[in-house]
Amino acid sequence: MDLQRRLREPIRNSSPLPYAFPVLAILPILSSFLVSSWLVSQTVGYLLTGSVIIVIVACGLLHPGLRLQLAPGFLVLFGGYWVGLVVHYFATTHSEVLQYILVTPPTVIATVIVLPALIDDRRQAFTMEVTVVAVLLTLVGLGMLWQCSGRMLRRASHSIFKQRENPAL
C-alpha cells in the first residue's frame, strides 16, 4: 500500500541544483570508454576524459548550491598517497609517475568529493541515466558480436569445407 502511494506522489523539487547535474555525473563514465574505444585515438580519449574531469571539478568548486563534504581522515590518507607519489618520482624520475602526480588530485576531487554531491539530491535521475547508458552499451556490444559472429561463421565454414575437399592441407 505504501509503495502505491509513493509511486503516485509528485517528486518534490527541494534541491537547489540544476537537473543537468546527474547528467554531468554520467559524463566521466562515458568519456572513460573513449580511452579504449575505436572511435578516437587513445590520446584524444585521455584528453576528453581529462577535460570532463576538469569541468566537473570547476562546477563543484564554483556552484554555490553544492554542498561538498570532505572527511579529514580521507584527506590525510590521500595526502599521504600523493606525497608518496612525489617522493617516488624524485627517487626514480619516471615520466609515468609525474603523470600520476598531475592527474590524481583533480580526478580524486571530481570522483570522491564533487560527484557524490552532484548525485546526492537526484539519486533517482542518476540511477535512470546509468540504466539507460548500460542498456545502450549492451545493445552496442550485442550488435558488434552479432556482426562479427556472422563473419567468423562464414570464415569457419569456408575453411572447414575447403579442408574436406583437400584433406592434404
N, C-alpha and C. Protein backbone atom coordinates (compact mmCIF):
# COMPACT_ATOMS: atom_id res chain seq x y z
N MET A 1 0.81 -1.20 0.00
CA MET A 1 0.00 0.00 0.00
C MET A 1 0.86 1.26 0.00
N ASP A 2 1.90 1.23 0.79
CA ASP A 2 2.78 2.40 0.88
C ASP A 2 3.50 2.63 -0.45
N LEU A 3 3.83 1.56 -1.15
CA LEU A 3 4.51 1.68 -2.44
C LEU A 3 3.62 2.38 -3.47
N GLN A 4 2.34 2.03 -3.49
CA GLN A 4 1.43 2.67 -4.44
C GLN A 4 1.31 4.16 -4.16
N ARG A 5 1.25 4.52 -2.89
CA ARG A 5 1.16 5.94 -2.54
C ARG A 5 2.43 6.68 -2.94
N ARG A 6 3.57 6.05 -2.72
CA ARG A 6 4.84 6.70 -3.06
C ARG A 6 5.00 6.84 -4.57
N LEU A 7 4.50 5.89 -5.34
CA LEU A 7 4.60 5.99 -6.79
C LEU A 7 3.72 7.11 -7.34
N ARG A 8 2.62 7.38 -6.68
CA ARG A 8 1.69 8.40 -7.17
C ARG A 8 2.02 9.81 -6.72
N GLU A 9 2.74 9.95 -5.63
CA GLU A 9 3.00 11.31 -5.14
C GLU A 9 4.03 11.99 -6.03
N PRO A 10 3.87 13.29 -6.24
CA PRO A 10 4.80 14.01 -7.12
C PRO A 10 6.19 14.12 -6.49
N ILE A 11 7.17 14.24 -7.36
CA ILE A 11 8.55 14.39 -6.90
C ILE A 11 8.73 15.82 -6.43
N ARG A 12 9.24 15.95 -5.22
CA ARG A 12 9.47 17.28 -4.66
C ARG A 12 10.76 17.85 -5.23
N ASN A 13 10.71 19.10 -5.55
CA ASN A 13 11.89 19.78 -6.07
C ASN A 13 12.49 20.64 -4.97
N SER A 14 13.16 20.00 -4.04
CA SER A 14 13.75 20.73 -2.92
C SER A 14 15.23 21.00 -3.14
N SER A 15 15.77 20.49 -4.21
CA SER A 15 17.20 20.65 -4.45
C SER A 15 17.47 21.97 -5.17
N PRO A 16 18.50 22.69 -4.74
CA PRO A 16 18.87 23.92 -5.45
C PRO A 16 19.71 23.65 -6.69
N LEU A 17 20.04 22.40 -6.93
CA LEU A 17 20.92 22.06 -8.04
C LEU A 17 20.12 21.88 -9.33
N PRO A 18 20.71 22.21 -10.45
CA PRO A 18 20.03 22.01 -11.74
C PRO A 18 19.82 20.53 -12.04
N TYR A 19 18.83 20.26 -12.87
CA TYR A 19 18.54 18.88 -13.25
C TYR A 19 19.67 18.27 -14.08
N ALA A 20 20.50 19.08 -14.67
CA ALA A 20 21.56 18.57 -15.54
C ALA A 20 22.74 18.00 -14.76
N PHE A 21 22.80 18.22 -13.46
CA PHE A 21 23.96 17.74 -12.70
C PHE A 21 24.10 16.22 -12.69
N PRO A 22 23.02 15.44 -12.59
CA PRO A 22 23.22 13.99 -12.72
C PRO A 22 23.75 13.58 -14.10
N VAL A 23 23.38 14.34 -15.13
CA VAL A 23 23.93 14.06 -16.46
C VAL A 23 25.43 14.33 -16.45
N LEU A 24 25.83 15.38 -15.76
CA LEU A 24 27.25 15.69 -15.62
C LEU A 24 27.98 14.55 -14.91
N ALA A 25 27.28 13.87 -14.01
CA ALA A 25 27.89 12.75 -13.29
C ALA A 25 28.04 11.52 -14.18
N ILE A 26 27.27 11.43 -15.26
CA ILE A 26 27.38 10.31 -16.20
C ILE A 26 28.55 10.51 -17.16
N LEU A 27 28.92 11.75 -17.42
CA LEU A 27 29.95 12.03 -18.42
C LEU A 27 31.29 11.34 -18.15
N PRO A 28 31.79 11.25 -16.91
CA PRO A 28 33.06 10.52 -16.73
C PRO A 28 32.95 9.04 -17.11
N ILE A 29 31.78 8.45 -16.89
CA ILE A 29 31.60 7.05 -17.27
C ILE A 29 31.69 6.91 -18.78
N LEU A 30 31.00 7.78 -19.48
CA LEU A 30 31.02 7.71 -20.95
C LEU A 30 32.38 8.07 -21.52
N SER A 31 33.01 9.11 -20.97
CA SER A 31 34.30 9.53 -21.53
C SER A 31 35.40 8.52 -21.23
N SER A 32 35.27 7.76 -20.16
CA SER A 32 36.30 6.77 -19.87
C SER A 32 36.31 5.64 -20.91
N PHE A 33 35.18 5.42 -21.57
CA PHE A 33 35.15 4.42 -22.63
C PHE A 33 35.92 4.87 -23.86
N LEU A 34 36.08 6.17 -24.03
CA LEU A 34 36.78 6.69 -25.20
C LEU A 34 38.26 6.35 -25.20
N VAL A 35 38.82 6.11 -24.02
CA VAL A 35 40.25 5.80 -23.94
C VAL A 35 40.57 4.49 -24.64
N SER A 36 39.69 3.51 -24.50
CA SER A 36 39.95 2.21 -25.12
C SER A 36 39.01 1.94 -26.29
N SER A 37 38.43 2.97 -26.84
CA SER A 37 37.47 2.83 -27.92
C SER A 37 38.16 2.89 -29.27
N TRP A 38 37.48 2.44 -30.29
CA TRP A 38 37.98 2.55 -31.65
C TRP A 38 37.52 3.86 -32.30
N LEU A 39 36.67 4.62 -31.60
CA LEU A 39 36.13 5.86 -32.18
C LEU A 39 37.19 6.94 -32.30
N VAL A 40 38.02 7.08 -31.27
CA VAL A 40 39.05 8.11 -31.25
C VAL A 40 40.36 7.47 -30.80
N SER A 41 41.46 8.18 -31.01
CA SER A 41 42.74 7.65 -30.57
C SER A 41 42.81 7.70 -29.04
N GLN A 42 43.75 6.96 -28.49
CA GLN A 42 43.89 6.90 -27.04
C GLN A 42 44.22 8.27 -26.46
N THR A 43 45.05 9.03 -27.13
CA THR A 43 45.42 10.37 -26.65
C THR A 43 44.20 11.28 -26.61
N VAL A 44 43.39 11.25 -27.66
CA VAL A 44 42.17 12.07 -27.68
C VAL A 44 41.21 11.61 -26.58
N GLY A 45 41.12 10.31 -26.37
CA GLY A 45 40.27 9.80 -25.28
C GLY A 45 40.72 10.30 -23.92
N TYR A 46 42.03 10.28 -23.68
CA TYR A 46 42.54 10.80 -22.41
C TYR A 46 42.28 12.30 -22.28
N LEU A 47 42.44 13.05 -23.37
CA LEU A 47 42.19 14.49 -23.32
C LEU A 47 40.72 14.80 -23.05
N LEU A 48 39.82 14.06 -23.70
CA LEU A 48 38.40 14.27 -23.46
C LEU A 48 38.01 13.90 -22.03
N THR A 49 38.53 12.79 -21.53
CA THR A 49 38.23 12.39 -20.16
C THR A 49 38.79 13.41 -19.17
N GLY A 50 39.99 13.89 -19.41
CA GLY A 50 40.57 14.91 -18.54
C GLY A 50 39.78 16.20 -18.56
N SER A 51 39.30 16.59 -19.73
CA SER A 51 38.51 17.83 -19.79
C SER A 51 37.17 17.66 -19.07
N VAL A 52 36.57 16.47 -19.14
CA VAL A 52 35.34 16.22 -18.39
C VAL A 52 35.61 16.31 -16.89
N ILE A 53 36.72 15.74 -16.45
CA ILE A 53 37.08 15.80 -15.03
C ILE A 53 37.28 17.25 -14.59
N ILE A 54 37.95 18.05 -15.40
CA ILE A 54 38.19 19.46 -15.06
C ILE A 54 36.86 20.23 -15.00
N VAL A 55 35.95 19.96 -15.92
CA VAL A 55 34.64 20.62 -15.90
C VAL A 55 33.88 20.25 -14.63
N ILE A 56 33.95 18.99 -14.22
CA ILE A 56 33.26 18.56 -13.01
C ILE A 56 33.86 19.24 -11.78
N VAL A 57 35.18 19.30 -11.71
CA VAL A 57 35.83 19.99 -10.59
C VAL A 57 35.43 21.46 -10.57
N ALA A 58 35.43 22.11 -11.72
CA ALA A 58 35.05 23.52 -11.79
C ALA A 58 33.60 23.73 -11.35
N CYS A 59 32.69 22.89 -11.81
CA CYS A 59 31.29 23.00 -11.39
C CYS A 59 31.16 22.80 -9.89
N GLY A 60 31.89 21.84 -9.37
CA GLY A 60 31.81 21.57 -7.94
C GLY A 60 32.35 22.70 -7.09
N LEU A 61 33.41 23.32 -7.55
CA LEU A 61 34.01 24.39 -6.75
C LEU A 61 33.30 25.73 -6.95
N LEU A 62 32.68 25.94 -8.10
CA LEU A 62 32.09 27.25 -8.40
C LEU A 62 30.59 27.35 -8.12
N HIS A 63 29.88 26.22 -8.06
CA HIS A 63 28.44 26.29 -7.85
C HIS A 63 28.14 26.54 -6.37
N PRO A 64 27.40 27.61 -6.06
CA PRO A 64 27.16 27.95 -4.65
C PRO A 64 26.20 27.00 -3.93
N GLY A 65 25.33 26.30 -4.66
CA GLY A 65 24.36 25.42 -4.01
C GLY A 65 24.88 24.03 -3.72
N LEU A 66 26.07 23.72 -4.11
CA LEU A 66 26.62 22.38 -3.95
C LEU A 66 27.31 22.26 -2.59
N ARG A 67 26.90 21.25 -1.83
CA ARG A 67 27.48 21.01 -0.51
C ARG A 67 28.58 19.95 -0.63
N LEU A 68 29.81 20.39 -0.62
CA LEU A 68 30.94 19.46 -0.70
C LEU A 68 31.32 19.03 0.71
N GLN A 69 31.51 17.73 0.88
CA GLN A 69 31.88 17.19 2.19
C GLN A 69 33.20 16.46 2.05
N LEU A 70 34.07 16.71 3.01
CA LEU A 70 35.39 16.09 2.98
C LEU A 70 35.73 15.61 4.38
N ALA A 71 36.00 14.33 4.52
CA ALA A 71 36.38 13.76 5.81
C ALA A 71 37.87 13.99 6.03
N PRO A 72 38.25 14.42 7.23
CA PRO A 72 39.68 14.66 7.50
C PRO A 72 40.53 13.40 7.33
N GLY A 73 39.99 12.25 7.68
CA GLY A 73 40.74 11.00 7.52
C GLY A 73 41.07 10.73 6.07
N PHE A 74 40.11 10.98 5.19
CA PHE A 74 40.36 10.80 3.76
C PHE A 74 41.43 11.76 3.28
N LEU A 75 41.37 13.00 3.74
CA LEU A 75 42.35 13.99 3.33
C LEU A 75 43.76 13.57 3.76
N VAL A 76 43.89 13.02 4.96
CA VAL A 76 45.20 12.56 5.43
C VAL A 76 45.69 11.39 4.58
N LEU A 77 44.81 10.42 4.31
CA LEU A 77 45.21 9.26 3.50
C LEU A 77 45.57 9.65 2.07
N PHE A 78 44.75 10.50 1.47
CA PHE A 78 45.05 10.93 0.11
C PHE A 78 46.31 11.77 0.07
N GLY A 79 46.49 12.65 1.03
CA GLY A 79 47.71 13.46 1.09
C GLY A 79 48.95 12.59 1.23
N GLY A 80 48.86 11.56 2.06
CA GLY A 80 49.98 10.63 2.20
C GLY A 80 50.28 9.89 0.91
N TYR A 81 49.23 9.46 0.22
CA TYR A 81 49.42 8.79 -1.07
C TYR A 81 50.10 9.72 -2.07
N TRP A 82 49.63 10.97 -2.14
CA TRP A 82 50.17 11.91 -3.10
C TRP A 82 51.61 12.27 -2.76
N VAL A 83 51.93 12.45 -1.49
CA VAL A 83 53.32 12.72 -1.09
C VAL A 83 54.19 11.51 -1.44
N GLY A 84 53.66 10.30 -1.27
CA GLY A 84 54.39 9.10 -1.67
C GLY A 84 54.68 9.08 -3.15
N LEU A 85 53.73 9.52 -3.97
CA LEU A 85 53.98 9.62 -5.41
C LEU A 85 55.09 10.61 -5.72
N VAL A 86 55.07 11.76 -5.04
CA VAL A 86 56.10 12.78 -5.27
C VAL A 86 57.47 12.24 -4.87
N VAL A 87 57.56 11.58 -3.73
CA VAL A 87 58.84 11.02 -3.29
C VAL A 87 59.31 9.95 -4.27
N HIS A 88 58.38 9.12 -4.74
CA HIS A 88 58.73 8.09 -5.72
C HIS A 88 59.25 8.72 -7.01
N TYR A 89 58.64 9.82 -7.42
CA TYR A 89 59.09 10.48 -8.64
C TYR A 89 60.51 11.01 -8.48
N PHE A 90 60.79 11.66 -7.36
CA PHE A 90 62.14 12.19 -7.17
C PHE A 90 63.18 11.08 -6.98
N ALA A 91 62.74 9.92 -6.54
CA ALA A 91 63.67 8.80 -6.38
C ALA A 91 63.96 8.11 -7.71
N THR A 92 62.96 8.04 -8.59
CA THR A 92 63.13 7.29 -9.84
C THR A 92 63.10 8.16 -11.10
N THR A 93 62.50 9.32 -11.04
CA THR A 93 62.31 10.27 -12.15
C THR A 93 61.70 9.62 -13.40
N HIS A 94 60.70 8.78 -13.20
CA HIS A 94 59.95 8.22 -14.33
C HIS A 94 58.86 9.20 -14.74
N SER A 95 58.71 9.41 -16.03
CA SER A 95 57.69 10.36 -16.50
C SER A 95 56.27 9.85 -16.23
N GLU A 96 56.09 8.53 -16.16
CA GLU A 96 54.77 7.99 -15.87
C GLU A 96 54.30 8.39 -14.48
N VAL A 97 55.22 8.43 -13.53
CA VAL A 97 54.86 8.82 -12.17
C VAL A 97 54.48 10.29 -12.13
N LEU A 98 55.16 11.12 -12.92
CA LEU A 98 54.82 12.54 -12.99
C LEU A 98 53.40 12.73 -13.53
N GLN A 99 53.01 11.91 -14.49
CA GLN A 99 51.63 11.97 -15.00
C GLN A 99 50.63 11.66 -13.89
N TYR A 100 50.90 10.65 -13.08
CA TYR A 100 50.01 10.32 -11.97
C TYR A 100 49.97 11.45 -10.94
N ILE A 101 51.11 12.09 -10.70
CA ILE A 101 51.15 13.20 -9.74
C ILE A 101 50.24 14.32 -10.21
N LEU A 102 50.23 14.60 -11.50
CA LEU A 102 49.42 15.70 -12.03
C LEU A 102 47.94 15.34 -12.15
N VAL A 103 47.64 14.11 -12.48
CA VAL A 103 46.27 13.71 -12.77
C VAL A 103 45.49 13.30 -11.51
N THR A 104 46.16 12.78 -10.52
CA THR A 104 45.47 12.24 -9.36
C THR A 104 44.64 13.26 -8.59
N PRO A 105 45.15 14.45 -8.24
CA PRO A 105 44.32 15.37 -7.44
C PRO A 105 43.00 15.78 -8.11
N PRO A 106 42.99 16.22 -9.39
CA PRO A 106 41.68 16.56 -9.95
C PRO A 106 40.75 15.36 -10.10
N THR A 107 41.31 14.20 -10.39
CA THR A 107 40.47 13.01 -10.54
C THR A 107 39.84 12.63 -9.21
N VAL A 108 40.62 12.66 -8.14
CA VAL A 108 40.08 12.32 -6.82
C VAL A 108 39.08 13.37 -6.36
N ILE A 109 39.38 14.64 -6.59
CA ILE A 109 38.43 15.69 -6.21
C ILE A 109 37.11 15.50 -6.95
N ALA A 110 37.19 15.20 -8.24
CA ALA A 110 35.97 15.02 -9.03
C ALA A 110 35.19 13.79 -8.60
N THR A 111 35.86 12.65 -8.47
CA THR A 111 35.14 11.39 -8.24
C THR A 111 34.77 11.14 -6.79
N VAL A 112 35.54 11.66 -5.85
CA VAL A 112 35.28 11.36 -4.45
C VAL A 112 34.55 12.49 -3.73
N ILE A 113 34.76 13.72 -4.17
CA ILE A 113 34.18 14.86 -3.46
C ILE A 113 33.01 15.47 -4.23
N VAL A 114 33.20 15.77 -5.52
CA VAL A 114 32.18 16.51 -6.27
C VAL A 114 31.06 15.60 -6.77
N LEU A 115 31.38 14.47 -7.39
CA LEU A 115 30.34 13.62 -7.98
C LEU A 115 29.31 13.13 -6.96
N PRO A 116 29.70 12.69 -5.76
CA PRO A 116 28.65 12.32 -4.79
C PRO A 116 27.72 13.48 -4.44
N ALA A 117 28.26 14.69 -4.39
CA ALA A 117 27.41 15.85 -4.11
C ALA A 117 26.48 16.15 -5.28
N LEU A 118 26.92 15.90 -6.50
CA LEU A 118 26.06 16.11 -7.67
C LEU A 118 24.90 15.11 -7.70
N ILE A 119 25.16 13.92 -7.25
CA ILE A 119 24.18 12.84 -7.31
C ILE A 119 23.25 12.84 -6.11
N ASP A 120 23.69 13.38 -5.00
CA ASP A 120 23.03 13.21 -3.72
C ASP A 120 21.54 13.56 -3.75
N ASP A 121 21.17 14.68 -4.29
CA ASP A 121 19.76 15.10 -4.28
C ASP A 121 18.96 14.54 -5.45
N ARG A 122 19.61 13.97 -6.42
CA ARG A 122 18.92 13.46 -7.61
C ARG A 122 19.33 12.01 -7.88
N ARG A 123 19.21 11.19 -6.87
CA ARG A 123 19.64 9.79 -6.99
C ARG A 123 18.81 9.02 -8.02
N GLN A 124 17.51 9.28 -8.04
CA GLN A 124 16.65 8.56 -8.97
C GLN A 124 17.00 8.90 -10.42
N ALA A 125 17.23 10.17 -10.69
CA ALA A 125 17.61 10.57 -12.05
C ALA A 125 18.94 9.95 -12.44
N PHE A 126 19.90 9.94 -11.53
CA PHE A 126 21.20 9.34 -11.82
C PHE A 126 21.06 7.84 -12.09
N THR A 127 20.25 7.16 -11.29
CA THR A 127 20.05 5.73 -11.47
C THR A 127 19.41 5.44 -12.83
N MET A 128 18.44 6.25 -13.22
CA MET A 128 17.81 6.06 -14.53
C MET A 128 18.82 6.29 -15.65
N GLU A 129 19.66 7.30 -15.51
CA GLU A 129 20.65 7.59 -16.54
C GLU A 129 21.68 6.47 -16.66
N VAL A 130 22.13 5.95 -15.53
CA VAL A 130 23.09 4.83 -15.56
C VAL A 130 22.45 3.62 -16.22
N THR A 131 21.18 3.37 -15.93
CA THR A 131 20.48 2.24 -16.54
C THR A 131 20.38 2.41 -18.05
N VAL A 132 20.03 3.60 -18.50
CA VAL A 132 19.92 3.86 -19.94
C VAL A 132 21.28 3.67 -20.62
N VAL A 133 22.34 4.20 -20.01
CA VAL A 133 23.68 4.05 -20.58
C VAL A 133 24.08 2.58 -20.63
N ALA A 134 23.79 1.83 -19.57
CA ALA A 134 24.14 0.40 -19.54
C ALA A 134 23.38 -0.37 -20.62
N VAL A 135 22.11 -0.07 -20.80
CA VAL A 135 21.32 -0.75 -21.83
C VAL A 135 21.85 -0.41 -23.22
N LEU A 136 22.14 0.86 -23.46
CA LEU A 136 22.66 1.26 -24.77
C LEU A 136 24.01 0.60 -25.07
N LEU A 137 24.90 0.58 -24.08
CA LEU A 137 26.20 -0.06 -24.29
C LEU A 137 26.05 -1.56 -24.50
N THR A 138 25.10 -2.17 -23.81
CA THR A 138 24.84 -3.60 -24.02
C THR A 138 24.34 -3.86 -25.44
N LEU A 139 23.44 -3.01 -25.91
CA LEU A 139 22.93 -3.17 -27.28
C LEU A 139 24.04 -2.97 -28.32
N VAL A 140 24.90 -2.00 -28.08
CA VAL A 140 26.03 -1.79 -29.00
C VAL A 140 26.93 -3.03 -28.99
N GLY A 141 27.22 -3.55 -27.81
CA GLY A 141 28.06 -4.75 -27.71
C GLY A 141 27.44 -5.95 -28.38
N LEU A 142 26.14 -6.15 -28.17
CA LEU A 142 25.46 -7.27 -28.83
C LEU A 142 25.44 -7.10 -30.34
N GLY A 143 25.24 -5.88 -30.79
CA GLY A 143 25.29 -5.62 -32.23
C GLY A 143 26.65 -5.92 -32.82
N MET A 144 27.69 -5.55 -32.11
CA MET A 144 29.05 -5.84 -32.59
C MET A 144 29.30 -7.34 -32.61
N LEU A 145 28.86 -8.05 -31.57
CA LEU A 145 29.03 -9.50 -31.55
C LEU A 145 28.26 -10.16 -32.68
N TRP A 146 27.05 -9.71 -32.93
CA TRP A 146 26.24 -10.27 -34.00
C TRP A 146 26.89 -10.04 -35.35
N GLN A 147 27.42 -8.84 -35.55
CA GLN A 147 28.08 -8.52 -36.81
C GLN A 147 29.35 -9.35 -36.98
N CYS A 148 30.13 -9.47 -35.93
CA CYS A 148 31.39 -10.24 -36.02
C CYS A 148 31.13 -11.73 -36.11
N SER A 149 30.08 -12.22 -35.44
CA SER A 149 29.83 -13.66 -35.46
C SER A 149 29.45 -14.12 -36.86
N GLY A 150 28.75 -13.31 -37.63
CA GLY A 150 28.42 -13.68 -39.00
C GLY A 150 29.66 -13.83 -39.85
N ARG A 151 30.59 -12.91 -39.70
CA ARG A 151 31.85 -13.00 -40.46
C ARG A 151 32.66 -14.22 -40.03
N MET A 152 32.75 -14.44 -38.72
CA MET A 152 33.54 -15.57 -38.23
C MET A 152 32.91 -16.89 -38.64
N LEU A 153 31.58 -16.97 -38.64
CA LEU A 153 30.91 -18.20 -39.05
C LEU A 153 31.17 -18.49 -40.52
N ARG A 154 31.13 -17.46 -41.37
CA ARG A 154 31.42 -17.66 -42.79
C ARG A 154 32.86 -18.11 -42.99
N ARG A 155 33.81 -17.50 -42.27
CA ARG A 155 35.21 -17.91 -42.40
C ARG A 155 35.42 -19.33 -41.93
N ALA A 156 34.81 -19.68 -40.81
CA ALA A 156 34.99 -21.03 -40.27
C ALA A 156 34.38 -22.07 -41.20
N SER A 157 33.17 -21.80 -41.70
CA SER A 157 32.55 -22.78 -42.60
C SER A 157 33.33 -22.89 -43.91
N HIS A 158 33.87 -21.79 -44.40
CA HIS A 158 34.66 -21.83 -45.62
C HIS A 158 35.92 -22.67 -45.41
N SER A 159 36.59 -22.50 -44.29
CA SER A 159 37.82 -23.26 -44.05
C SER A 159 37.53 -24.73 -43.80
N ILE A 160 36.39 -25.05 -43.18
CA ILE A 160 36.03 -26.45 -42.95
C ILE A 160 35.76 -27.14 -44.28
N PHE A 161 34.96 -26.50 -45.15
CA PHE A 161 34.65 -27.11 -46.44
C PHE A 161 35.89 -27.21 -47.31
N LYS A 162 36.76 -26.23 -47.23
CA LYS A 162 37.98 -26.26 -48.02
C LYS A 162 38.87 -27.42 -47.57
N GLN A 163 38.91 -27.67 -46.27
CA GLN A 163 39.73 -28.75 -45.76
C GLN A 163 39.15 -30.11 -46.15
N ARG A 164 37.83 -30.24 -46.20
CA ARG A 164 37.22 -31.51 -46.59
C ARG A 164 37.48 -31.83 -48.06
N GLU A 165 37.50 -30.80 -48.90
CA GLU A 165 37.76 -31.02 -50.32
C GLU A 165 39.20 -31.44 -50.56
N ASN A 166 40.12 -30.91 -49.80
CA ASN A 166 41.53 -31.18 -49.99
C ASN A 166 42.12 -31.59 -48.64
N PRO A 167 41.99 -32.86 -48.24
CA PRO A 167 42.44 -33.29 -46.91
C PRO A 167 43.95 -33.21 -46.73
N ALA A 168 44.71 -33.04 -47.79
CA ALA A 168 46.17 -32.97 -47.65
C ALA A 168 46.58 -31.65 -47.00
N LEU A 169 45.74 -30.64 -47.02
CA LEU A 169 46.07 -29.35 -46.42
C LEU A 169 46.05 -29.50 -44.97
